[in-house]
């Protein structure tokens, strides 16, 4: 009897030992050691973000929006030059910052506008030098978020200059962050564009009223001169400023001297139809 009981106890002990060993083995094989656990590298969300790019057509749109924003403010005024939609420079600056940097907006607001008695007035001075999308220009990427558009321009008011428009990427759009100009009056070489303009001007002088098959900036200016009977030696300046829906918008102004400084006084704005060359005053 004692032997049988001892046998049963021994069997039970062996069973417990086997179960314990089995459980330990399972724990070793199935439980991961947190210290030795290899974590999958987290994907860097920023590395997946595409770097914004800008092509030449998009650059033209940015520069056109920049010009149109300013011109829409200038044109929406009372007869005395008071802005209709803005009663403070700060409000005007915020509007400009939708298409340009804060520094450039500050420069525009301080140079072209005055604030007095809760009203903002347009200062009679020369207009900014706008990008001309129909003229030659160079396009260069400076870095991942910055591009430069460079263009040579020439007229009686600004002389010969090389304009550089810097376009920068913001959080959700492209803006004009800086505009630089370089005086080219010291250069002797003439660009092909200047030679073409001289040729166009000579052709326009022959018959500016009827030669409208290919209207250029110069021909548009001559058409306005003819329309207003302004001679070439007049003190009035006739300059093609920009285009609207393909038509030429020409500014007629005079230079007013004030001591050692001078400013422009606009006589009127005129639209030259791109197809038939008809001229009408811009209201």
Protein backbone atom coordinates (compact mmCIF):
# COMPACT_ATOMS: atom_id res chain seq x y z
CA UNK A 1 0.00 0.00 0.00
CA UNK A 2 2.79 2.37 0.92
CA UNK A 3 4.62 1.54 -2.28
CA UNK A 4 1.52 2.26 -4.35
CA UNK A 5 0.98 5.58 -2.62
CA UNK A 6 4.62 6.48 -3.08
CA UNK A 7 4.34 5.60 -6.77
CA UNK A 8 1.30 7.85 -7.23
CA UNK A 9 3.04 10.76 -5.51
CA UNK A 10 6.10 10.30 -7.69
CA UNK A 11 3.96 10.32 -10.86
CA UNK A 12 2.22 13.51 -9.77
CA UNK A 13 5.56 15.22 -9.06
CA UNK A 14 6.91 14.22 -12.46
CA UNK A 15 3.74 15.55 -14.14
CA UNK A 16 4.09 18.91 -12.38
CA UNK A 17 7.77 19.16 -13.40
CA UNK A 18 6.92 18.39 -17.04
CA UNK A 19 4.10 20.98 -17.08
CA UNK A 20 6.36 23.63 -15.53
CA UNK A 21 9.09 22.99 -18.09
CA UNK A 22 6.60 23.10 -20.95
CA UNK A 23 5.16 26.41 -19.74
CA UNK A 24 8.63 27.93 -19.33
CA UNK A 25 9.58 26.90 -22.84
CA UNK A 26 6.43 28.42 -24.20
CA UNK A 27 7.12 31.68 -22.41
CA UNK A 28 10.67 31.80 -23.72
CA UNK A 29 9.66 31.09 -27.30
CA UNK A 30 6.49 33.20 -27.51
CA UNK A 31 7.24 36.19 -25.30
CA UNK A 32 9.33 38.89 -26.98
CA UNK A 33 12.05 40.55 -25.00
CA UNK A 34 11.21 44.28 -25.14
CA UNK A 35 14.90 45.12 -24.89
CA UNK A 36 15.71 43.05 -27.96
CA UNK A 37 12.59 43.96 -29.88
CA UNK A 38 13.43 45.61 -33.20
CA UNK A 39 11.03 48.42 -34.01
CA UNK A 40 10.15 49.24 -37.56
CA UNK A 41 11.46 52.69 -38.41
CA UNK A 42 8.63 55.21 -38.48
CA UNK A 43 8.07 56.75 -41.85
CA UNK A 44 9.06 60.39 -41.93
CA UNK A 45 5.96 62.22 -43.11
CA UNK A 46 8.02 65.19 -44.23
CA UNK A 47 10.12 63.00 -46.52
CA UNK A 48 6.98 61.96 -48.35
CA UNK A 49 5.90 65.56 -48.99
CA UNK A 50 6.59 66.62 -52.53
CA UNK A 51 8.80 69.67 -52.94
CA UNK A 52 6.73 72.34 -54.71
CA UNK A 53 7.88 73.20 -58.22
CA UNK A 54 7.20 76.18 -60.45
CA UNK A 55 7.27 76.27 -64.23
CA UNK A 56 7.40 79.30 -66.51
CA UNK A 57 3.66 79.44 -67.16
CA UNK A 58 2.92 79.34 -63.44
CA UNK A 59 5.53 82.08 -62.89
CA UNK A 60 3.70 84.26 -65.43
CA UNK A 61 0.43 83.72 -63.56
CA UNK A 62 2.04 84.68 -60.23
CA UNK A 63 3.47 87.89 -61.71
CA UNK A 64 0.17 88.74 -63.42
CA UNK A 65 -1.73 88.23 -60.14
CA UNK A 66 0.81 90.47 -58.41
CA UNK A 67 0.20 93.24 -60.96
CA UNK A 68 -3.56 92.82 -61.10
CA UNK A 69 -3.85 93.04 -57.30
CA UNK A 70 -2.10 96.42 -57.28
CA UNK A 71 -3.94 97.76 -60.32
CA UNK A 72 -7.36 96.75 -58.96
CA UNK A 73 -6.64 98.82 -55.84
CA UNK A 74 -5.38 101.81 -57.84
CA UNK A 75 -8.33 101.82 -60.23
CA UNK A 76 -10.99 101.48 -57.53
CA UNK A 77 -10.74 105.06 -56.21
CA UNK A 78 -12.77 108.22 -55.83
CA UNK A 79 -12.09 111.24 -58.05
CA UNK A 80 -9.74 112.67 -55.42
CA UNK A 81 -7.68 109.48 -55.28
CA UNK A 82 -9.26 108.06 -52.12
CA UNK A 83 -9.35 104.27 -52.02
CA UNK A 84 -12.90 102.93 -51.89
CA UNK A 85 -12.32 99.56 -50.22
CA UNK A 86 -9.60 100.38 -47.68
CA UNK A 87 -9.55 102.91 -44.84
CA UNK A 88 -6.11 102.11 -43.42
CA UNK A 89 -2.66 101.21 -44.66
CA UNK A 90 -2.69 98.12 -42.47
CA UNK A 91 -5.78 96.74 -44.22
CA UNK A 92 -4.19 97.50 -47.58
CA UNK A 93 -0.98 95.78 -46.54
CA UNK A 94 -2.87 92.62 -45.57
CA UNK A 95 -4.53 92.59 -48.99
CA UNK A 96 -1.19 92.95 -50.78
CA UNK A 97 0.31 90.13 -48.70
CA UNK A 98 -1.95 87.65 -50.52
CA UNK A 99 0.33 88.05 -53.55
CA UNK A 100 3.59 89.44 -52.15
CA UNK A 101 5.87 89.23 -49.13
CA UNK A 102 5.42 91.41 -46.06
CA UNK A 103 8.54 93.45 -46.87
CA UNK A 104 7.38 94.10 -50.44
CA UNK A 105 3.86 94.95 -49.23
CA UNK A 106 5.36 97.43 -46.74
CA UNK A 107 7.34 99.03 -49.55
CA UNK A 108 4.28 99.35 -51.81
CA UNK A 109 2.07 100.79 -49.09
CA UNK A 110 4.63 103.36 -47.94
CA UNK A 111 5.62 104.45 -51.46
CA UNK A 112 2.32 104.58 -53.31
CA UNK A 113 -0.22 105.51 -50.61
CA UNK A 114 -0.86 108.05 -47.88
CA UNK A 115 -3.21 107.73 -44.90
CA UNK A 116 -5.04 110.73 -43.44
CA UNK A 117 -8.28 111.13 -41.47
CA UNK A 118 -9.15 107.44 -41.71
CA UNK A 119 -8.73 107.51 -45.48
CA UNK A 120 -6.05 106.14 -47.78
CA UNK A 121 -5.01 108.13 -50.85
CA UNK A 122 -3.05 107.18 -53.94
CA UNK A 123 0.23 109.09 -54.29
CA UNK A 124 0.81 110.54 -57.76
CA UNK A 125 4.07 108.86 -58.72
CA UNK A 126 5.47 106.48 -61.28
CA UNK A 127 3.94 103.02 -61.46
CA UNK A 128 5.94 99.88 -60.59
CA UNK A 129 7.84 98.25 -63.40
CA UNK A 130 5.66 95.30 -64.30
CA UNK A 131 6.70 92.03 -65.88
CA UNK A 132 5.79 91.89 -69.59
CA UNK A 133 4.76 88.35 -70.40
CA UNK A 134 4.99 88.89 -74.17
CA UNK A 135 8.66 89.90 -73.98
CA UNK A 136 11.70 87.67 -73.57
CA UNK A 137 12.76 86.73 -70.06
CA UNK A 138 14.98 84.25 -68.25
CA UNK A 139 13.72 81.79 -65.65
CA UNK A 140 15.97 80.23 -63.03
CA UNK A 141 15.49 78.06 -59.96
CA UNK A 142 17.54 79.41 -57.03
CA UNK A 143 16.66 76.70 -54.49
CA UNK A 144 13.78 74.37 -53.58
CA UNK A 145 11.39 77.23 -52.74
CA UNK A 146 12.70 80.18 -54.75
CA UNK A 147 12.79 81.12 -58.42
CA UNK A 148 13.93 84.24 -60.28
CA UNK A 149 12.41 85.79 -63.40
CA UNK A 150 14.74 88.30 -65.10
CA UNK A 151 13.74 90.65 -67.90
CA UNK A 152 15.33 93.68 -69.59
CA UNK A 153 12.98 96.62 -70.09
CA UNK A 154 13.28 100.11 -71.53
CA UNK A 155 11.12 103.25 -71.77
CA UNK A 156 11.46 107.00 -71.34
CA UNK A 157 10.64 106.95 -67.64
CA UNK A 158 12.77 104.07 -66.35
CA UNK A 159 15.52 104.11 -68.97
CA UNK A 160 17.19 100.73 -69.59
CA UNK A 161 16.85 98.40 -66.65
CA UNK A 162 17.12 94.70 -65.86
CA UNK A 163 14.27 93.65 -63.61
CA UNK A 164 14.49 90.59 -61.37
CA UNK A 165 11.30 89.24 -59.82
CA UNK A 166 11.86 86.73 -57.01
CA UNK A 167 9.04 84.21 -56.56
CA UNK A 168 8.93 82.24 -53.31
CA UNK A 169 6.82 79.33 -52.09
CA UNK A 170 4.72 79.90 -48.97
CA UNK A 171 2.58 77.37 -47.11
CA UNK A 172 -0.02 77.04 -49.84
CA UNK A 173 0.90 79.38 -52.69
CA UNK A 174 3.60 81.23 -54.61
CA UNK A 175 4.15 84.95 -54.00
CA UNK A 176 6.46 87.70 -55.25
CA UNK A 177 8.91 88.15 -52.38
CA UNK A 178 11.33 90.68 -53.86
CA UNK A 179 11.78 92.92 -56.91
CA UNK A 180 15.23 94.17 -57.92
CA UNK A 181 16.29 96.51 -60.72
CA UNK A 182 19.69 97.04 -62.31
CA UNK A 183 20.52 100.10 -64.40
CA UNK A 184 21.76 99.09 -67.85
CA UNK A 185 22.38 102.57 -69.22
CA UNK A 186 26.13 101.96 -69.10
CA UNK A 187 25.92 98.99 -71.45
CA UNK A 188 26.68 99.60 -75.12
CA UNK A 189 25.21 96.44 -76.56
CA UNK A 190 21.58 96.47 -77.64
CA UNK A 191 19.32 93.48 -77.21
CA UNK A 192 17.47 91.88 -80.08
CA UNK A 193 14.25 93.04 -78.47
CA UNK A 194 15.35 96.69 -78.66
CA UNK A 195 16.23 96.29 -82.33
CA UNK A 196 12.80 94.81 -83.00
CA UNK A 197 11.15 97.71 -81.19
CA UNK A 198 13.03 100.24 -83.35
CA UNK A 199 11.91 98.38 -86.44
CA UNK A 200 8.32 98.31 -85.23
CA UNK A 201 8.44 102.02 -84.44
CA UNK A 202 9.67 102.85 -87.94
CA UNK A 203 6.89 100.77 -89.47
CA UNK A 204 4.33 102.38 -87.22
CA UNK A 205 5.47 105.88 -88.19
CA UNK A 206 4.66 105.12 -91.84
CA UNK A 207 1.00 104.48 -91.14
CA UNK A 208 0.16 103.92 -87.47
CA UNK A 209 -3.58 104.11 -88.08
CA UNK A 210 -3.83 101.23 -90.55
CA UNK A 211 -0.83 98.97 -89.86
CA UNK A 212 -2.46 96.94 -87.08
CA UNK A 213 -1.98 93.41 -88.40
CA UNK A 214 0.55 92.76 -85.63
CA UNK A 215 0.05 95.33 -82.90
CA UNK A 216 3.04 95.69 -80.60
CA UNK A 217 3.59 97.81 -77.50
CA UNK A 218 5.13 100.57 -79.62
CA UNK A 219 2.33 100.56 -82.17
CA UNK A 220 -0.25 100.72 -79.37
CA UNK A 221 1.51 103.79 -77.98
CA UNK A 222 1.53 105.44 -81.43
CA UNK A 223 -2.16 104.70 -81.90
CA UNK A 224 -2.93 106.49 -78.63
CA UNK A 225 -0.74 109.45 -79.64
CA UNK A 226 -2.63 109.66 -82.92
CA UNK A 227 -5.97 109.37 -81.14
CA UNK A 228 -5.12 112.26 -78.81
CA UNK A 229 -3.08 114.27 -81.34
CA UNK A 230 0.03 114.07 -79.14
CA UNK A 231 3.23 114.83 -81.07
CA UNK A 232 6.47 112.92 -80.54
CA UNK A 233 8.12 116.01 -78.99
CA UNK A 234 5.24 116.63 -76.55
CA UNK A 235 5.86 116.82 -72.81
CA UNK A 236 3.21 114.14 -72.39
CA UNK A 237 4.50 110.58 -72.06
CA UNK A 238 2.61 107.72 -73.68
CA UNK A 239 3.66 104.32 -72.32
CA UNK A 240 2.15 100.85 -72.72
CA UNK A 241 1.69 99.69 -69.12
CA UNK A 242 0.06 96.24 -69.20
CA UNK A 243 -2.52 94.08 -70.94
CA UNK A 244 -6.09 93.21 -70.04
CA UNK A 245 -7.74 90.29 -71.86
CA UNK A 246 -5.13 90.68 -74.59
CA UNK A 247 -5.83 94.38 -75.16
CA UNK A 248 -3.15 97.01 -74.54
CA UNK A 249 -3.58 99.41 -71.62
CA UNK A 250 -1.62 102.61 -72.28
CA UNK A 251 -0.88 105.29 -69.69
CA UNK A 252 -0.63 108.97 -70.67
CA UNK A 253 1.14 111.08 -68.07
CA UNK A 254 3.38 114.08 -67.56
CA UNK A 255 6.35 114.62 -65.28
CA UNK A 256 5.75 117.31 -62.67
CA UNK A 257 8.83 118.89 -61.11
CA UNK A 258 8.89 119.79 -57.43
CA UNK A 259 12.24 121.28 -56.58
CA UNK A 260 14.88 118.61 -56.93
CA UNK A 261 12.32 115.83 -57.20
CA UNK A 262 9.61 115.03 -59.69
CA UNK A 263 6.59 112.77 -59.93
CA UNK A 264 4.15 111.65 -62.57
CA UNK A 265 0.66 113.01 -63.02
CA UNK A 266 -1.57 110.66 -64.98
CA UNK A 267 -3.66 112.30 -67.70
CA UNK A 268 -5.57 109.14 -68.54
CA UNK A 269 -5.55 105.42 -69.31
CA UNK A 270 -6.47 104.13 -72.77
CA UNK A 271 -7.29 100.69 -74.12
CA UNK A 272 -6.06 99.65 -77.57
CA UNK A 273 -7.95 96.73 -79.08
CA UNK A 274 -5.52 93.93 -79.91
CA UNK A 275 -7.35 93.02 -83.13
CA UNK A 276 -8.37 96.24 -84.86
CA UNK A 277 -6.32 98.86 -83.01
CA UNK A 278 -9.29 101.00 -81.93
CA UNK A 279 -8.61 103.28 -78.97
CA UNK A 280 -10.98 104.11 -76.13
CA UNK A 281 -10.49 105.74 -72.75
CA UNK A 282 -10.39 103.36 -69.81
CA UNK A 283 -13.09 104.29 -67.31
